[in-house]
Every structure is written in C-alpha cells, then in structure tokens.
Amino acid sequence: MNKSNIDDFIDALKLLDSKIGELKMESIKIKAIGGFAMLYHGFRKGGYTIDIDSLTERYNDSVTNLIKEVGKEKNIDEDWLNTDCALLDGFMDLNKKIKWIEAEYQFNNIKLLIADINGLIRSKAKAIHDGGLVPRTTDKKDLLEGLRYVGLMNISELDASKEYGFIEEEYGRCYRYLREISKW
C-alpha cells in the first residue's frame, strides 16, 4: 500500500480523465468519502491516504482497467480509486444523508463530488458502529479528528450538540466508544 497525498490523486484523476476522453467512454462520477475527502477538507493529520473511496455503484470493467493502468503509470496502488465502501452494509443509504460538494478540481469526463464534513463524521460513526467490538483504528482516529475539526472536544460538547445528536441516536456503539474516552 502506497501512501499518497492529495496532489498525487489529482494527477491520477487528470490522467484517468484524459484516458476516458481519448477512448470516448462515458463519463464517471466519483463521490469521495474517507481519507481523500478528509484531505480535501484539510483535517486528516499527516496529509496522506492510500485511495479514493467512492460511494457509487461499481465501475464497469473498462473503467476499472483504466484505473489499474493509471495506478501503474503513477506508481500508486492499482485500486487507488474504488467503490469498496459501497459494498458495506447500509453505506449506500448514506448517499441520502450526506451533502455532496462539487470539488474545486474540474475534469472533462469525471464529476468529482466530496462528502461534506458532517457526512464524513457520519460515515466514520457508522463504520465504528458497524465494526462492533473491533472497529478499524483509522476510523476511530478519523472520527476524533473530525469532531475536533468542528469544535467538539469531549462527550459533554457532543451531548450538547443538536447537529451531531445523530451519533447517539443512530450509532450507539460509536457513541459508547466516545463516552468511554470522554475527551479527545
């Protein structure tokens, strides 16, 4: 797994965009959620991720092959752009709850949408909740960074927040985790 920064991925997207255009293929939509979206918003410490997770239906084989080709050419992972998160139970339902922002980067054959900050926090809360007793460490770290980014530093502030009350209401295991650590 290669760690890459946002500029590496933008370069890869430009190359993918060009290849899609050259082959006169149908345009694709990317709904970035996860590490890339956090980098875009500027709140993932370290400034790196391994991929762009897109909360969209699986890309067709031609697009998937181009993604792999770009990965090889740019020396990043072959699945640097993937829809794996869409396969997780209930994650496609998040599409309706997330506000999608059109990215400042423009392409001819790619529509790049980024989950807003509240949507990223929601997706991480869901991942921790769904992870049960063994959620990924990255999801926990990302959630805490997101909560700090919006100015929530402890469980009392979270409890007082109407905007983030959904964490307790919808993602009980995540809420219990936050209650246990109490400060972040």
N, C-alpha and C. Protein backbone atom coordinates (compact mmCIF):
# COMPACT_ATOMS: atom_id res chain seq x y z
N MET A 1 0.82 -1.18 0.00
CA MET A 1 0.00 0.00 0.00
C MET A 1 0.87 1.25 0.00
N ASN A 2 0.70 2.06 -1.00
CA ASN A 2 1.42 3.32 -1.08
C ASN A 2 0.58 4.43 -0.48
N LYS A 3 1.19 5.24 0.37
CA LYS A 3 0.50 6.42 0.88
C LYS A 3 0.74 7.54 -0.12
N SER A 4 -0.32 8.25 -0.45
CA SER A 4 -0.21 9.34 -1.41
C SER A 4 -0.90 10.57 -0.85
N ASN A 5 -0.48 11.74 -1.33
CA ASN A 5 -1.14 12.97 -0.89
C ASN A 5 -2.18 13.39 -1.91
N ILE A 6 -2.88 14.45 -1.63
CA ILE A 6 -3.98 14.86 -2.50
C ILE A 6 -3.50 15.19 -3.90
N ASP A 7 -2.31 15.79 -4.02
CA ASP A 7 -1.79 16.15 -5.35
C ASP A 7 -1.53 14.91 -6.20
N ASP A 8 -1.05 13.83 -5.57
CA ASP A 8 -0.84 12.57 -6.30
C ASP A 8 -2.15 12.07 -6.91
N PHE A 9 -3.22 12.17 -6.11
CA PHE A 9 -4.51 11.68 -6.60
C PHE A 9 -5.11 12.60 -7.66
N ILE A 10 -4.91 13.89 -7.52
CA ILE A 10 -5.40 14.81 -8.55
C ILE A 10 -4.68 14.54 -9.87
N ASP A 11 -3.38 14.30 -9.81
CA ASP A 11 -2.62 13.95 -11.03
C ASP A 11 -3.17 12.66 -11.64
N ALA A 12 -3.46 11.68 -10.80
CA ALA A 12 -4.01 10.41 -11.29
C ALA A 12 -5.40 10.63 -11.90
N LEU A 13 -6.21 11.47 -11.27
CA LEU A 13 -7.53 11.76 -11.82
C LEU A 13 -7.44 12.48 -13.17
N LYS A 14 -6.47 13.37 -13.31
CA LYS A 14 -6.28 14.06 -14.59
C LYS A 14 -5.92 13.06 -15.68
N LEU A 15 -5.05 12.12 -15.35
CA LEU A 15 -4.66 11.11 -16.34
C LEU A 15 -5.86 10.21 -16.67
N LEU A 16 -6.59 9.79 -15.66
CA LEU A 16 -7.79 8.97 -15.90
C LEU A 16 -8.79 9.73 -16.76
N ASP A 17 -9.00 10.99 -16.46
CA ASP A 17 -9.92 11.83 -17.22
C ASP A 17 -9.51 11.88 -18.69
N SER A 18 -8.21 12.05 -18.91
CA SER A 18 -7.69 12.10 -20.27
C SER A 18 -7.91 10.78 -21.02
N LYS A 19 -7.64 9.68 -20.34
CA LYS A 19 -7.80 8.36 -20.97
C LYS A 19 -9.28 8.08 -21.28
N ILE A 20 -10.17 8.47 -20.39
CA ILE A 20 -11.61 8.27 -20.64
C ILE A 20 -12.01 9.06 -21.88
N GLY A 21 -11.49 10.29 -21.99
CA GLY A 21 -11.79 11.13 -23.15
C GLY A 21 -11.24 10.57 -24.44
N GLU A 22 -9.98 10.12 -24.40
CA GLU A 22 -9.35 9.56 -25.59
C GLU A 22 -10.13 8.36 -26.13
N LEU A 23 -10.64 7.55 -25.22
CA LEU A 23 -11.37 6.35 -25.63
C LEU A 23 -12.86 6.62 -25.86
N LYS A 24 -13.26 7.89 -25.68
CA LYS A 24 -14.66 8.30 -25.88
C LYS A 24 -15.63 7.46 -25.04
N MET A 25 -15.20 7.20 -23.82
CA MET A 25 -16.03 6.41 -22.90
C MET A 25 -17.00 7.35 -22.19
N GLU A 26 -18.02 6.77 -21.60
CA GLU A 26 -19.00 7.54 -20.83
C GLU A 26 -18.31 8.12 -19.59
N SER A 27 -18.69 9.34 -19.24
CA SER A 27 -18.14 9.99 -18.06
C SER A 27 -18.47 9.21 -16.80
N ILE A 28 -17.66 9.40 -15.76
CA ILE A 28 -17.91 8.73 -14.49
C ILE A 28 -18.13 9.76 -13.38
N LYS A 29 -18.77 9.30 -12.34
CA LYS A 29 -19.00 10.13 -11.16
C LYS A 29 -18.23 9.50 -10.00
N ILE A 30 -17.58 10.35 -9.24
CA ILE A 30 -16.89 9.92 -8.03
C ILE A 30 -17.53 10.68 -6.87
N LYS A 31 -17.95 9.94 -5.86
CA LYS A 31 -18.46 10.54 -4.63
C LYS A 31 -17.46 10.17 -3.53
N ALA A 32 -16.48 11.05 -3.36
CA ALA A 32 -15.36 10.77 -2.46
C ALA A 32 -15.78 10.84 -1.00
N ILE A 33 -15.45 9.76 -0.31
CA ILE A 33 -15.74 9.65 1.11
C ILE A 33 -14.52 8.97 1.73
N GLY A 34 -14.16 9.32 2.91
CA GLY A 34 -13.00 8.70 3.54
C GLY A 34 -11.78 9.60 3.47
N GLY A 35 -10.60 8.97 3.43
CA GLY A 35 -9.34 9.68 3.54
C GLY A 35 -9.14 10.80 2.53
N PHE A 36 -9.47 10.55 1.27
CA PHE A 36 -9.29 11.59 0.26
C PHE A 36 -10.15 12.80 0.58
N ALA A 37 -11.40 12.56 0.97
CA ALA A 37 -12.30 13.67 1.31
C ALA A 37 -11.79 14.42 2.53
N MET A 38 -11.22 13.70 3.47
CA MET A 38 -10.65 14.36 4.65
C MET A 38 -9.46 15.23 4.27
N LEU A 39 -8.63 14.73 3.37
CA LEU A 39 -7.52 15.54 2.87
C LEU A 39 -8.05 16.79 2.17
N TYR A 40 -9.09 16.62 1.39
CA TYR A 40 -9.68 17.73 0.65
C TYR A 40 -10.13 18.83 1.63
N HIS A 41 -10.75 18.42 2.71
CA HIS A 41 -11.23 19.39 3.71
C HIS A 41 -10.12 19.86 4.64
N GLY A 42 -8.98 19.19 4.61
CA GLY A 42 -7.83 19.63 5.40
C GLY A 42 -7.83 19.20 6.85
N PHE A 43 -8.52 18.10 7.18
CA PHE A 43 -8.47 17.72 8.58
C PHE A 43 -7.94 16.34 8.89
N ARG A 44 -7.31 15.69 7.95
CA ARG A 44 -6.63 14.44 8.30
C ARG A 44 -5.17 14.77 8.53
N LYS A 45 -4.73 14.54 9.74
CA LYS A 45 -3.33 14.84 10.07
C LYS A 45 -2.43 13.87 9.31
N GLY A 46 -1.30 14.35 8.88
CA GLY A 46 -0.37 13.52 8.14
C GLY A 46 -0.48 13.75 6.65
N GLY A 47 -1.65 14.15 6.15
CA GLY A 47 -1.81 14.52 4.76
C GLY A 47 -1.72 13.41 3.74
N TYR A 48 -1.97 12.16 4.16
CA TYR A 48 -1.86 11.05 3.22
C TYR A 48 -3.05 10.11 3.33
N THR A 49 -3.27 9.35 2.26
CA THR A 49 -4.24 8.27 2.25
C THR A 49 -3.76 7.26 1.21
N ILE A 50 -4.41 6.11 1.15
CA ILE A 50 -3.97 5.11 0.17
C ILE A 50 -4.89 5.03 -1.04
N ASP A 51 -6.09 5.66 -0.93
CA ASP A 51 -7.01 5.53 -2.05
C ASP A 51 -8.09 6.60 -2.01
N ILE A 52 -8.90 6.60 -3.05
CA ILE A 52 -10.13 7.40 -3.10
C ILE A 52 -11.27 6.40 -3.05
N ASP A 53 -12.05 6.48 -1.97
CA ASP A 53 -13.23 5.63 -1.83
C ASP A 53 -14.41 6.38 -2.43
N SER A 54 -15.10 5.76 -3.36
CA SER A 54 -16.25 6.40 -4.00
C SER A 54 -17.53 5.67 -3.61
N LEU A 55 -18.46 6.42 -3.06
CA LEU A 55 -19.74 5.84 -2.64
C LEU A 55 -20.69 5.83 -3.84
N THR A 56 -20.29 5.07 -4.84
CA THR A 56 -21.05 4.92 -6.08
C THR A 56 -21.12 3.44 -6.42
N GLU A 57 -21.95 3.13 -7.37
CA GLU A 57 -22.02 1.75 -7.87
C GLU A 57 -20.68 1.39 -8.50
N ARG A 58 -20.42 0.12 -8.58
CA ARG A 58 -19.17 -0.39 -9.15
C ARG A 58 -18.99 0.15 -10.57
N TYR A 59 -17.76 0.54 -10.89
CA TYR A 59 -17.45 0.98 -12.25
C TYR A 59 -17.39 -0.23 -13.17
N ASN A 60 -17.68 0.00 -14.45
CA ASN A 60 -17.62 -1.13 -15.39
C ASN A 60 -16.17 -1.57 -15.59
N ASP A 61 -16.01 -2.72 -16.21
CA ASP A 61 -14.68 -3.31 -16.37
C ASP A 61 -13.71 -2.41 -17.14
N SER A 62 -14.22 -1.69 -18.14
CA SER A 62 -13.34 -0.81 -18.92
C SER A 62 -12.77 0.30 -18.04
N VAL A 63 -13.60 0.89 -17.20
CA VAL A 63 -13.14 1.95 -16.30
C VAL A 63 -12.19 1.36 -15.25
N THR A 64 -12.56 0.20 -14.70
CA THR A 64 -11.71 -0.45 -13.70
C THR A 64 -10.32 -0.75 -14.28
N ASN A 65 -10.27 -1.19 -15.53
CA ASN A 65 -8.97 -1.45 -16.17
C ASN A 65 -8.16 -0.17 -16.35
N LEU A 66 -8.85 0.93 -16.70
CA LEU A 66 -8.15 2.21 -16.82
C LEU A 66 -7.62 2.68 -15.46
N ILE A 67 -8.39 2.47 -14.41
CA ILE A 67 -7.95 2.84 -13.06
C ILE A 67 -6.67 2.08 -12.71
N LYS A 68 -6.65 0.79 -13.01
CA LYS A 68 -5.44 -0.02 -12.75
C LYS A 68 -4.27 0.48 -13.57
N GLU A 69 -4.53 0.79 -14.83
CA GLU A 69 -3.48 1.28 -15.73
C GLU A 69 -2.88 2.59 -15.19
N VAL A 70 -3.74 3.50 -14.77
CA VAL A 70 -3.28 4.77 -14.20
C VAL A 70 -2.48 4.52 -12.92
N GLY A 71 -2.94 3.59 -12.11
CA GLY A 71 -2.22 3.24 -10.88
C GLY A 71 -0.79 2.80 -11.17
N LYS A 72 -0.64 1.96 -12.18
CA LYS A 72 0.70 1.51 -12.56
C LYS A 72 1.55 2.66 -13.08
N GLU A 73 0.95 3.48 -13.94
CA GLU A 73 1.69 4.60 -14.53
C GLU A 73 2.10 5.63 -13.49
N LYS A 74 1.26 5.84 -12.50
CA LYS A 74 1.53 6.86 -11.47
C LYS A 74 2.20 6.28 -10.23
N ASN A 75 2.48 4.98 -10.25
CA ASN A 75 3.13 4.30 -9.14
C ASN A 75 2.34 4.44 -7.82
N ILE A 76 1.04 4.23 -7.96
CA ILE A 76 0.16 4.18 -6.79
C ILE A 76 -0.58 2.85 -6.87
N ASP A 77 -1.30 2.49 -5.82
CA ASP A 77 -2.00 1.21 -5.82
C ASP A 77 -2.94 1.10 -7.01
N GLU A 78 -3.09 -0.11 -7.52
CA GLU A 78 -3.95 -0.33 -8.68
C GLU A 78 -5.42 -0.02 -8.38
N ASP A 79 -5.83 -0.16 -7.14
CA ASP A 79 -7.22 0.15 -6.80
C ASP A 79 -7.29 1.49 -6.06
N TRP A 80 -6.50 2.45 -6.52
CA TRP A 80 -6.43 3.78 -5.94
C TRP A 80 -7.77 4.50 -5.98
N LEU A 81 -8.62 4.11 -6.90
CA LEU A 81 -9.99 4.61 -6.97
C LEU A 81 -10.88 3.39 -6.96
N ASN A 82 -11.72 3.29 -5.92
CA ASN A 82 -12.54 2.08 -5.80
C ASN A 82 -13.90 2.41 -5.20
N THR A 83 -14.78 1.45 -5.31
CA THR A 83 -16.13 1.58 -4.77
C THR A 83 -16.38 0.56 -3.66
N ASP A 84 -15.32 0.12 -3.02
CA ASP A 84 -15.45 -0.91 -1.98
C ASP A 84 -16.40 -0.50 -0.86
N CYS A 85 -16.37 0.77 -0.48
CA CYS A 85 -17.22 1.22 0.63
C CYS A 85 -18.71 1.06 0.28
N ALA A 86 -19.05 1.11 -0.99
CA ALA A 86 -20.44 0.96 -1.41
C ALA A 86 -20.96 -0.46 -1.15
N LEU A 87 -20.05 -1.41 -1.01
CA LEU A 87 -20.44 -2.79 -0.76
C LEU A 87 -20.74 -3.06 0.71
N LEU A 88 -20.31 -2.15 1.59
CA LEU A 88 -20.54 -2.34 3.02
C LEU A 88 -22.02 -2.16 3.34
N ASP A 89 -22.50 -2.97 4.25
CA ASP A 89 -23.92 -2.99 4.58
C ASP A 89 -24.43 -1.60 4.98
N GLY A 90 -25.40 -1.10 4.22
CA GLY A 90 -26.05 0.15 4.54
C GLY A 90 -25.31 1.41 4.13
N PHE A 91 -24.11 1.29 3.60
CA PHE A 91 -23.36 2.50 3.27
C PHE A 91 -23.96 3.27 2.10
N MET A 92 -24.55 2.59 1.13
CA MET A 92 -25.17 3.31 0.02
C MET A 92 -26.32 4.19 0.52
N ASP A 93 -26.94 3.80 1.62
CA ASP A 93 -28.02 4.60 2.20
C ASP A 93 -27.51 5.96 2.69
N LEU A 94 -26.21 6.04 2.97
CA LEU A 94 -25.64 7.31 3.42
C LEU A 94 -25.71 8.39 2.34
N ASN A 95 -25.80 7.97 1.08
CA ASN A 95 -25.90 8.92 -0.02
C ASN A 95 -26.98 9.97 0.23
N LYS A 96 -28.09 9.53 0.80
CA LYS A 96 -29.22 10.43 1.05
C LYS A 96 -28.98 11.35 2.23
N LYS A 97 -28.08 10.97 3.13
CA LYS A 97 -27.85 11.74 4.34
C LYS A 97 -26.63 12.65 4.25
N ILE A 98 -25.86 12.50 3.20
CA ILE A 98 -24.63 13.28 3.03
C ILE A 98 -24.88 14.40 2.04
N LYS A 99 -24.38 15.57 2.36
CA LYS A 99 -24.39 16.67 1.41
C LYS A 99 -23.12 16.53 0.57
N TRP A 100 -23.29 16.46 -0.73
CA TRP A 100 -22.16 16.28 -1.64
C TRP A 100 -21.79 17.63 -2.23
N ILE A 101 -20.51 17.96 -2.15
CA ILE A 101 -19.99 19.24 -2.62
C ILE A 101 -19.21 19.00 -3.91
N GLU A 102 -19.46 19.83 -4.91
CA GLU A 102 -18.68 19.69 -6.14
C GLU A 102 -17.27 20.19 -5.88
N ALA A 103 -16.29 19.38 -6.21
CA ALA A 103 -14.89 19.70 -5.94
C ALA A 103 -14.44 20.89 -6.77
N GLU A 104 -13.44 21.58 -6.25
CA GLU A 104 -12.88 22.72 -6.98
C GLU A 104 -12.09 22.26 -8.20
N TYR A 105 -11.69 21.00 -8.23
CA TYR A 105 -10.97 20.44 -9.38
C TYR A 105 -11.99 20.06 -10.44
N GLN A 106 -11.76 20.50 -11.66
CA GLN A 106 -12.69 20.24 -12.75
C GLN A 106 -12.05 19.31 -13.78
N PHE A 107 -12.86 18.41 -14.27
CA PHE A 107 -12.42 17.46 -15.28
C PHE A 107 -13.45 17.43 -16.40
N ASN A 108 -13.07 16.92 -17.55
CA ASN A 108 -13.99 16.83 -18.68
C ASN A 108 -14.88 15.59 -18.61
N ASN A 109 -14.34 14.50 -18.07
CA ASN A 109 -15.04 13.22 -18.12
C ASN A 109 -15.27 12.61 -16.74
N ILE A 110 -14.98 13.38 -15.70
CA ILE A 110 -15.17 12.92 -14.32
C ILE A 110 -15.90 14.01 -13.56
N LYS A 111 -16.95 13.63 -12.87
CA LYS A 111 -17.61 14.55 -11.95
C LYS A 111 -17.17 14.14 -10.55
N LEU A 112 -16.40 15.01 -9.90
CA LEU A 112 -15.85 14.72 -8.58
C LEU A 112 -16.65 15.46 -7.51
N LEU A 113 -17.34 14.68 -6.69
CA LEU A 113 -18.10 15.20 -5.56
C LEU A 113 -17.41 14.75 -4.28
N ILE A 114 -17.44 15.62 -3.27
CA ILE A 114 -16.79 15.34 -2.00
C ILE A 114 -17.85 15.38 -0.90
N ALA A 115 -17.82 14.39 -0.01
CA ALA A 115 -18.73 14.41 1.14
C ALA A 115 -18.40 15.63 1.99
N ASP A 116 -19.44 16.31 2.49
CA ASP A 116 -19.18 17.42 3.39
C ASP A 116 -18.68 16.89 4.73
N ILE A 117 -18.22 17.77 5.58
CA ILE A 117 -17.62 17.36 6.85
C ILE A 117 -18.60 16.58 7.71
N ASN A 118 -19.84 17.03 7.79
CA ASN A 118 -20.83 16.31 8.59
C ASN A 118 -21.04 14.90 8.04
N GLY A 119 -21.02 14.77 6.72
CA GLY A 119 -21.16 13.46 6.10
C GLY A 119 -19.99 12.55 6.42
N LEU A 120 -18.79 13.12 6.46
CA LEU A 120 -17.61 12.32 6.81
C LEU A 120 -17.70 11.84 8.25
N ILE A 121 -18.13 12.72 9.14
CA ILE A 121 -18.30 12.33 10.54
C ILE A 121 -19.35 11.23 10.65
N ARG A 122 -20.44 11.38 9.92
CA ARG A 122 -21.49 10.35 9.92
C ARG A 122 -20.94 9.02 9.41
N SER A 123 -20.17 9.05 8.33
CA SER A 123 -19.66 7.79 7.76
C SER A 123 -18.70 7.10 8.73
N LYS A 124 -17.89 7.89 9.43
CA LYS A 124 -16.97 7.29 10.40
C LYS A 124 -17.72 6.75 11.61
N ALA A 125 -18.75 7.46 12.06
CA ALA A 125 -19.58 6.96 13.17
C ALA A 125 -20.24 5.64 12.78
N LYS A 126 -20.73 5.57 11.54
CA LYS A 126 -21.35 4.32 11.07
C LYS A 126 -20.31 3.20 10.99
N ALA A 127 -19.13 3.51 10.50
CA ALA A 127 -18.07 2.49 10.39
C ALA A 127 -17.70 1.95 11.76
N ILE A 128 -17.59 2.82 12.75
CA ILE A 128 -17.26 2.39 14.10
C ILE A 128 -18.40 1.56 14.68
N HIS A 129 -19.62 2.03 14.48
CA HIS A 129 -20.80 1.29 14.97
C HIS A 129 -20.87 -0.09 14.32
N ASP A 130 -20.72 -0.14 13.01
CA ASP A 130 -20.82 -1.41 12.28
C ASP A 130 -19.64 -2.33 12.58
N GLY A 131 -18.49 -1.74 12.96
CA GLY A 131 -17.31 -2.54 13.29
C GLY A 131 -17.46 -3.30 14.60
N GLY A 132 -18.49 -2.94 15.36
CA GLY A 132 -18.77 -3.66 16.60
C GLY A 132 -17.62 -3.57 17.59
N LEU A 133 -17.18 -4.71 18.06
CA LEU A 133 -16.14 -4.74 19.08
C LEU A 133 -14.75 -4.46 18.52
N VAL A 134 -14.59 -4.58 17.20
CA VAL A 134 -13.27 -4.39 16.62
C VAL A 134 -13.32 -3.43 15.42
N PRO A 135 -13.68 -2.17 15.65
CA PRO A 135 -13.66 -1.22 14.53
C PRO A 135 -12.22 -0.90 14.14
N ARG A 136 -12.04 -0.46 12.92
CA ARG A 136 -10.69 -0.11 12.45
C ARG A 136 -10.17 1.09 13.24
N THR A 137 -8.92 1.04 13.62
CA THR A 137 -8.27 2.14 14.35
C THR A 137 -8.34 3.43 13.54
N THR A 138 -8.18 3.32 12.23
CA THR A 138 -8.22 4.50 11.38
C THR A 138 -9.55 5.22 11.49
N ASP A 139 -10.65 4.46 11.53
CA ASP A 139 -11.97 5.08 11.64
C ASP A 139 -12.10 5.86 12.94
N LYS A 140 -11.60 5.29 14.03
CA LYS A 140 -11.65 5.98 15.32
C LYS A 140 -10.85 7.28 15.27
N LYS A 141 -9.64 7.18 14.77
CA LYS A 141 -8.77 8.36 14.68
C LYS A 141 -9.41 9.43 13.80
N ASP A 142 -9.95 9.02 12.66
CA ASP A 142 -10.58 9.97 11.74
C ASP A 142 -11.80 10.64 12.37
N LEU A 143 -12.60 9.86 13.09
CA LEU A 143 -13.78 10.43 13.74
C LEU A 143 -13.36 11.49 14.77
N LEU A 144 -12.37 11.17 15.58
CA LEU A 144 -11.92 12.12 16.60
C LEU A 144 -11.37 13.39 15.95
N GLU A 145 -10.62 13.24 14.87
CA GLU A 145 -10.11 14.41 14.16
C GLU A 145 -11.25 15.24 13.60
N GLY A 146 -12.26 14.57 13.06
CA GLY A 146 -13.42 15.28 12.51
C GLY A 146 -14.18 16.03 13.59
N LEU A 147 -14.39 15.39 14.73
CA LEU A 147 -15.10 16.05 15.82
C LEU A 147 -14.30 17.26 16.34
N ARG A 148 -13.00 17.11 16.46
CA ARG A 148 -12.16 18.25 16.88
C ARG A 148 -12.24 19.37 15.84
N TYR A 149 -12.26 18.99 14.58
CA TYR A 149 -12.29 19.97 13.49
C TYR A 149 -13.54 20.85 13.58
N VAL A 150 -14.67 20.26 13.99
CA VAL A 150 -15.91 21.04 14.12
C VAL A 150 -16.07 21.64 15.51
N GLY A 151 -15.03 21.51 16.34
CA GLY A 151 -15.03 22.16 17.64
C GLY A 151 -15.60 21.37 18.79
N LEU A 152 -15.82 20.06 18.59
CA LEU A 152 -16.31 19.22 19.67
C LEU A 152 -15.13 18.45 20.25
N MET A 153 -14.79 18.74 21.52
CA MET A 153 -13.58 18.20 22.12
C MET A 153 -13.83 17.13 23.18
N ASN A 154 -15.09 16.93 23.54
CA ASN A 154 -15.39 15.96 24.59
C ASN A 154 -16.85 15.53 24.51
N ILE A 155 -17.19 14.55 25.33
CA ILE A 155 -18.54 13.97 25.28
C ILE A 155 -19.60 14.98 25.69
N SER A 156 -19.29 15.87 26.62
CA SER A 156 -20.26 16.89 27.05
C SER A 156 -20.62 17.82 25.89
N GLU A 157 -19.62 18.22 25.14
CA GLU A 157 -19.87 19.09 23.98
C GLU A 157 -20.66 18.34 22.92
N LEU A 158 -20.35 17.07 22.73
CA LEU A 158 -21.11 16.26 21.77
C LEU A 158 -22.57 16.13 22.22
N ASP A 159 -22.78 15.87 23.51
CA ASP A 159 -24.14 15.73 24.04
C ASP A 159 -24.94 17.01 23.87
N ALA A 160 -24.28 18.16 23.94
CA ALA A 160 -24.97 19.45 23.82
C ALA A 160 -25.23 19.83 22.36
N SER A 161 -24.62 19.11 21.43
CA SER A 161 -24.73 19.44 20.01
C SER A 161 -25.98 18.83 19.39
N LYS A 162 -26.83 19.68 18.86
CA LYS A 162 -28.01 19.19 18.13
C LYS A 162 -27.60 18.61 16.78
N GLU A 163 -26.62 19.23 16.17
CA GLU A 163 -26.18 18.82 14.82
C GLU A 163 -25.61 17.41 14.80
N TYR A 164 -24.96 17.00 15.91
CA TYR A 164 -24.32 15.69 15.93
C TYR A 164 -25.02 14.70 16.86
N GLY A 165 -26.24 15.01 17.24
CA GLY A 165 -27.04 14.10 18.06
C GLY A 165 -27.30 12.78 17.37
N PHE A 166 -27.19 12.76 16.06
CA PHE A 166 -27.42 11.51 15.31
C PHE A 166 -26.45 10.41 15.73
N ILE A 167 -25.28 10.79 16.25
CA ILE A 167 -24.31 9.76 16.64
C ILE A 167 -24.91 8.88 17.73
N GLU A 168 -25.47 9.49 18.76
CA GLU A 168 -26.09 8.70 19.83
C GLU A 168 -27.35 7.99 19.33
N GLU A 169 -28.16 8.69 18.54
CA GLU A 169 -29.43 8.14 18.08
C GLU A 169 -29.28 6.97 17.11
N GLU A 170 -28.32 7.07 16.19
CA GLU A 170 -28.21 6.08 15.12
C GLU A 170 -27.04 5.12 15.26
N TYR A 171 -26.01 5.53 15.98
CA TYR A 171 -24.78 4.73 16.02
C TYR A 171 -24.34 4.51 17.47
N GLY A 172 -25.15 3.74 18.19
CA GLY A 172 -24.96 3.53 19.62
C GLY A 172 -23.59 3.01 20.03
N ARG A 173 -23.06 2.04 19.29
CA ARG A 173 -21.73 1.51 19.64
C ARG A 173 -20.66 2.59 19.51
N CYS A 174 -20.78 3.43 18.51
CA CYS A 174 -19.85 4.54 18.34
C CYS A 174 -20.01 5.52 19.50
N TYR A 175 -21.23 5.83 19.85
CA TYR A 175 -21.47 6.76 20.94
C TYR A 175 -20.88 6.22 22.25
N ARG A 176 -21.05 4.93 22.50
CA ARG A 176 -20.48 4.34 23.72
C ARG A 176 -18.96 4.45 23.72
N TYR A 177 -18.34 4.25 22.57
CA TYR A 177 -16.89 4.43 22.45
C TYR A 177 -16.51 5.87 22.84
N LEU A 178 -17.22 6.85 22.31
CA LEU A 178 -16.91 8.24 22.61
C LEU A 178 -17.15 8.55 24.09
N ARG A 179 -18.18 7.98 24.65
CA ARG A 179 -18.48 8.18 26.07
C ARG A 179 -17.36 7.60 26.94
N GLU A 180 -16.85 6.45 26.53
CA GLU A 180 -15.77 5.80 27.30
C GLU A 180 -14.50 6.65 27.32
N ILE A 181 -14.15 7.24 26.18
CA ILE A 181 -12.92 8.04 26.17
C ILE A 181 -13.16 9.45 26.71
N SER A 182 -14.36 9.93 26.64
CA SER A 182 -14.87 11.20 27.17
C SER A 182 -14.19 12.47 26.65
N LYS A 183 -12.87 12.47 26.40
CA LYS A 183 -12.14 13.62 25.86
C LYS A 183 -11.30 13.18 24.68
N TRP A 184 -11.18 14.06 23.70
CA TRP A 184 -10.35 13.69 22.54
C TRP A 184 -9.58 14.85 22.01
